[in-house]
Amino acid sequence: MENEPEQNLADDFEHWPNEPATRNDLRILATRIDRRFAKIDTQFPAIRLAIKEESLNLKESFRMEMYKFAAVVIGTGVAILGLTGFFSR
């Protein structure tokens, strides 16, 4: 199991955990740690790309919402001015 480090260590070592580790035990452990870091290193570019894409989508979405808000404000202002001019005659 990936989330239980004590069990992983016990599985990696050829001997029981209370016995001294051999060079082979340490090589196995170092190889496993190296593989885990390699997995993590390959995930960072994918995460950065996903964040950048979401950021662009958020900017576009925000821009569209601002245009809609501006259209509503302008439309309301024109309607109020039109009604004011109509009733002031």
N, C-alpha and C. Protein backbone atom coordinates (compact mmCIF):
# COMPACT_ATOMS: atom_id res chain seq x y z
N MET A 1 0.84 -1.18 0.00
CA MET A 1 0.00 0.00 0.00
C MET A 1 0.88 1.25 0.00
N GLU A 2 0.55 2.19 -0.82
CA GLU A 2 1.36 3.38 -0.97
C GLU A 2 1.32 4.30 0.23
N ASN A 3 0.24 4.29 1.00
CA ASN A 3 0.06 5.25 2.08
C ASN A 3 0.53 4.75 3.44
N GLU A 4 1.11 3.59 3.51
CA GLU A 4 1.57 3.05 4.77
C GLU A 4 3.08 2.87 4.71
N PRO A 5 3.85 3.91 5.10
CA PRO A 5 5.30 3.84 4.94
C PRO A 5 5.95 2.73 5.75
N GLU A 6 5.45 2.46 6.95
CA GLU A 6 6.06 1.41 7.76
C GLU A 6 5.91 0.05 7.08
N GLN A 7 4.75 -0.21 6.50
CA GLN A 7 4.53 -1.47 5.80
C GLN A 7 5.39 -1.55 4.55
N ASN A 8 5.53 -0.40 3.84
CA ASN A 8 6.38 -0.38 2.65
C ASN A 8 7.82 -0.70 3.01
N LEU A 9 8.30 -0.14 4.10
CA LEU A 9 9.68 -0.42 4.51
C LEU A 9 9.84 -1.88 4.87
N ALA A 10 8.88 -2.42 5.60
CA ALA A 10 8.96 -3.83 5.97
C ALA A 10 8.92 -4.72 4.73
N ASP A 11 8.13 -4.33 3.73
CA ASP A 11 8.07 -5.11 2.49
C ASP A 11 9.36 -5.01 1.69
N ASP A 12 10.00 -3.83 1.72
CA ASP A 12 11.22 -3.62 0.95
C ASP A 12 12.41 -4.38 1.52
N PHE A 13 12.50 -4.43 2.82
CA PHE A 13 13.66 -5.07 3.43
C PHE A 13 13.51 -6.58 3.40
N GLU A 14 14.64 -7.23 3.16
CA GLU A 14 14.64 -8.69 3.13
C GLU A 14 14.55 -9.26 4.54
N HIS A 15 14.95 -8.47 5.52
CA HIS A 15 14.99 -8.94 6.91
C HIS A 15 13.88 -8.27 7.71
N TRP A 16 13.70 -8.71 8.91
CA TRP A 16 12.72 -8.07 9.78
C TRP A 16 13.19 -6.67 10.12
N PRO A 17 12.29 -5.76 10.43
CA PRO A 17 12.67 -4.36 10.69
C PRO A 17 13.64 -4.18 11.87
N ASN A 18 13.70 -5.13 12.81
CA ASN A 18 14.59 -4.94 13.96
C ASN A 18 16.01 -5.44 13.69
N GLU A 19 16.26 -5.98 12.50
CA GLU A 19 17.60 -6.41 12.12
C GLU A 19 18.26 -5.33 11.29
N PRO A 20 19.61 -5.28 11.28
CA PRO A 20 20.30 -4.26 10.48
C PRO A 20 19.98 -4.41 8.99
N ALA A 21 19.93 -3.28 8.32
CA ALA A 21 19.65 -3.29 6.88
C ALA A 21 20.92 -3.65 6.11
N THR A 22 20.75 -4.35 5.01
CA THR A 22 21.87 -4.68 4.14
C THR A 22 21.97 -3.62 3.05
N ARG A 23 23.06 -3.67 2.29
CA ARG A 23 23.22 -2.74 1.17
C ARG A 23 22.10 -2.93 0.15
N ASN A 24 21.71 -4.14 -0.08
CA ASN A 24 20.64 -4.42 -1.04
C ASN A 24 19.32 -3.81 -0.55
N ASP A 25 19.08 -3.89 0.76
CA ASP A 25 17.87 -3.28 1.30
C ASP A 25 17.86 -1.78 1.03
N LEU A 26 19.00 -1.15 1.24
CA LEU A 26 19.09 0.29 1.02
C LEU A 26 18.97 0.65 -0.46
N ARG A 27 19.52 -0.19 -1.34
CA ARG A 27 19.38 0.05 -2.78
C ARG A 27 17.91 -0.03 -3.20
N ILE A 28 17.22 -1.03 -2.68
CA ILE A 28 15.79 -1.19 -3.00
C ILE A 28 15.02 0.02 -2.52
N LEU A 29 15.30 0.46 -1.30
CA LEU A 29 14.61 1.63 -0.74
C LEU A 29 14.91 2.88 -1.55
N ALA A 30 16.18 3.08 -1.91
CA ALA A 30 16.55 4.25 -2.71
C ALA A 30 15.88 4.22 -4.08
N THR A 31 15.79 3.04 -4.69
CA THR A 31 15.13 2.92 -5.99
C THR A 31 13.66 3.26 -5.88
N ARG A 32 13.02 2.77 -4.83
CA ARG A 32 11.59 3.08 -4.64
C ARG A 32 11.37 4.57 -4.42
N ILE A 33 12.20 5.19 -3.62
CA ILE A 33 12.08 6.64 -3.38
C ILE A 33 12.31 7.41 -4.67
N ASP A 34 13.32 7.00 -5.45
CA ASP A 34 13.60 7.67 -6.72
C ASP A 34 12.41 7.56 -7.67
N ARG A 35 11.79 6.41 -7.74
CA ARG A 35 10.61 6.23 -8.60
C ARG A 35 9.46 7.12 -8.17
N ARG A 36 9.28 7.24 -6.85
CA ARG A 36 8.18 8.10 -6.36
C ARG A 36 8.42 9.55 -6.74
N PHE A 37 9.67 10.02 -6.59
CA PHE A 37 9.97 11.39 -6.97
C PHE A 37 9.82 11.58 -8.48
N ALA A 38 10.17 10.59 -9.26
CA ALA A 38 10.00 10.68 -10.72
C ALA A 38 8.53 10.82 -11.07
N LYS A 39 7.67 10.08 -10.38
CA LYS A 39 6.22 10.21 -10.62
C LYS A 39 5.75 11.62 -10.29
N ILE A 40 6.22 12.15 -9.18
CA ILE A 40 5.80 13.49 -8.75
C ILE A 40 6.30 14.53 -9.75
N ASP A 41 7.55 14.40 -10.19
CA ASP A 41 8.11 15.36 -11.15
C ASP A 41 7.35 15.38 -12.47
N THR A 42 6.84 14.24 -12.89
CA THR A 42 6.09 14.22 -14.15
C THR A 42 4.69 14.79 -14.00
N GLN A 43 4.20 14.87 -12.76
CA GLN A 43 2.85 15.40 -12.55
C GLN A 43 2.84 16.93 -12.53
N PHE A 44 3.95 17.58 -12.15
CA PHE A 44 3.97 19.03 -12.04
C PHE A 44 3.66 19.74 -13.36
N PRO A 45 4.27 19.39 -14.48
CA PRO A 45 3.92 20.10 -15.73
C PRO A 45 2.44 19.96 -16.09
N ALA A 46 1.88 18.80 -15.85
CA ALA A 46 0.45 18.61 -16.15
C ALA A 46 -0.41 19.50 -15.26
N ILE A 47 -0.03 19.61 -14.00
CA ILE A 47 -0.78 20.46 -13.07
C ILE A 47 -0.65 21.92 -13.47
N ARG A 48 0.57 22.34 -13.82
CA ARG A 48 0.76 23.73 -14.25
C ARG A 48 -0.07 24.05 -15.48
N LEU A 49 -0.10 23.14 -16.44
CA LEU A 49 -0.88 23.35 -17.65
C LEU A 49 -2.37 23.44 -17.33
N ALA A 50 -2.86 22.58 -16.45
CA ALA A 50 -4.27 22.61 -16.07
C ALA A 50 -4.62 23.91 -15.37
N ILE A 51 -3.73 24.38 -14.51
CA ILE A 51 -3.98 25.65 -13.81
C ILE A 51 -4.00 26.81 -14.80
N LYS A 52 -3.08 26.79 -15.77
CA LYS A 52 -3.04 27.86 -16.76
C LYS A 52 -4.32 27.87 -17.60
N GLU A 53 -4.77 26.68 -18.01
CA GLU A 53 -6.01 26.60 -18.80
C GLU A 53 -7.21 27.08 -17.99
N GLU A 54 -7.29 26.68 -16.74
CA GLU A 54 -8.40 27.13 -15.90
C GLU A 54 -8.35 28.63 -15.68
N SER A 55 -7.15 29.17 -15.55
CA SER A 55 -7.00 30.61 -15.37
C SER A 55 -7.50 31.36 -16.61
N LEU A 56 -7.15 30.87 -17.79
CA LEU A 56 -7.64 31.51 -19.02
C LEU A 56 -9.15 31.40 -19.14
N ASN A 57 -9.69 30.24 -18.80
CA ASN A 57 -11.15 30.06 -18.85
C ASN A 57 -11.83 31.00 -17.87
N LEU A 58 -11.24 31.15 -16.69
CA LEU A 58 -11.82 32.04 -15.69
C LEU A 58 -11.78 33.49 -16.16
N LYS A 59 -10.67 33.90 -16.79
CA LYS A 59 -10.57 35.26 -17.30
C LYS A 59 -11.62 35.52 -18.38
N GLU A 60 -11.79 34.58 -19.29
CA GLU A 60 -12.79 34.73 -20.35
C GLU A 60 -14.20 34.79 -19.77
N SER A 61 -14.47 33.94 -18.81
CA SER A 61 -15.77 33.92 -18.17
C SER A 61 -16.04 35.24 -17.45
N PHE A 62 -15.03 35.72 -16.74
CA PHE A 62 -15.17 36.99 -16.03
C PHE A 62 -15.40 38.13 -17.00
N ARG A 63 -14.67 38.12 -18.11
CA ARG A 63 -14.81 39.17 -19.12
C ARG A 63 -16.24 39.17 -19.69
N MET A 64 -16.77 37.99 -19.98
CA MET A 64 -18.13 37.91 -20.51
C MET A 64 -19.15 38.41 -19.48
N GLU A 65 -18.95 38.08 -18.23
CA GLU A 65 -19.87 38.55 -17.19
C GLU A 65 -19.80 40.07 -17.06
N MET A 66 -18.61 40.64 -17.20
CA MET A 66 -18.47 42.10 -17.13
C MET A 66 -19.19 42.77 -18.30
N TYR A 67 -19.09 42.18 -19.50
CA TYR A 67 -19.80 42.73 -20.65
C TYR A 67 -21.31 42.67 -20.44
N LYS A 68 -21.79 41.57 -19.91
CA LYS A 68 -23.23 41.45 -19.63
C LYS A 68 -23.68 42.48 -18.61
N PHE A 69 -22.87 42.67 -17.56
CA PHE A 69 -23.21 43.65 -16.53
C PHE A 69 -23.22 45.06 -17.12
N ALA A 70 -22.22 45.38 -17.95
CA ALA A 70 -22.16 46.70 -18.58
C ALA A 70 -23.37 46.92 -19.49
N ALA A 71 -23.77 45.88 -20.21
CA ALA A 71 -24.94 46.02 -21.08
C ALA A 71 -26.20 46.28 -20.27
N VAL A 72 -26.34 45.59 -19.14
CA VAL A 72 -27.52 45.80 -18.28
C VAL A 72 -27.51 47.22 -17.71
N VAL A 73 -26.35 47.69 -17.26
CA VAL A 73 -26.26 49.04 -16.68
C VAL A 73 -26.56 50.10 -17.75
N ILE A 74 -25.99 49.94 -18.92
CA ILE A 74 -26.23 50.90 -19.99
C ILE A 74 -27.69 50.86 -20.42
N GLY A 75 -28.23 49.67 -20.57
CA GLY A 75 -29.65 49.55 -20.95
C GLY A 75 -30.56 50.17 -19.91
N THR A 76 -30.27 49.95 -18.64
CA THR A 76 -31.09 50.55 -17.57
C THR A 76 -30.97 52.07 -17.60
N GLY A 77 -29.76 52.57 -17.80
CA GLY A 77 -29.56 54.03 -17.87
C GLY A 77 -30.31 54.65 -19.03
N VAL A 78 -30.27 54.01 -20.18
CA VAL A 78 -30.99 54.52 -21.36
C VAL A 78 -32.49 54.50 -21.09
N ALA A 79 -32.98 53.42 -20.48
CA ALA A 79 -34.41 53.32 -20.18
C ALA A 79 -34.84 54.40 -19.21
N ILE A 80 -34.03 54.64 -18.18
CA ILE A 80 -34.38 55.68 -17.20
C ILE A 80 -34.37 57.06 -17.86
N LEU A 81 -33.37 57.34 -18.67
CA LEU A 81 -33.33 58.63 -19.36
C LEU A 81 -34.51 58.79 -20.31
N GLY A 82 -34.86 57.70 -21.00
CA GLY A 82 -36.00 57.76 -21.92
C GLY A 82 -37.30 58.01 -21.18
N LEU A 83 -37.50 57.31 -20.06
CA LEU A 83 -38.72 57.51 -19.28
C LEU A 83 -38.77 58.90 -18.66
N THR A 84 -37.60 59.40 -18.21
CA THR A 84 -37.55 60.73 -17.63
C THR A 84 -37.92 61.77 -18.70
N GLY A 85 -37.38 61.62 -19.87
CA GLY A 85 -37.70 62.55 -20.97
C GLY A 85 -39.16 62.44 -21.38
N PHE A 86 -39.74 61.25 -21.35
CA PHE A 86 -41.11 61.05 -21.73
C PHE A 86 -42.06 61.71 -20.73
N PHE A 87 -41.80 61.52 -19.45
CA PHE A 87 -42.70 62.08 -18.43
C PHE A 87 -42.44 63.54 -18.14
N SER A 88 -41.32 64.08 -18.55
CA SER A 88 -41.04 65.50 -18.29
C SER A 88 -41.72 66.42 -19.32
N ARG A 89 -42.28 65.90 -20.36
CA ARG A 89 -42.94 66.72 -21.39
C ARG A 89 -44.28 67.12 -20.97
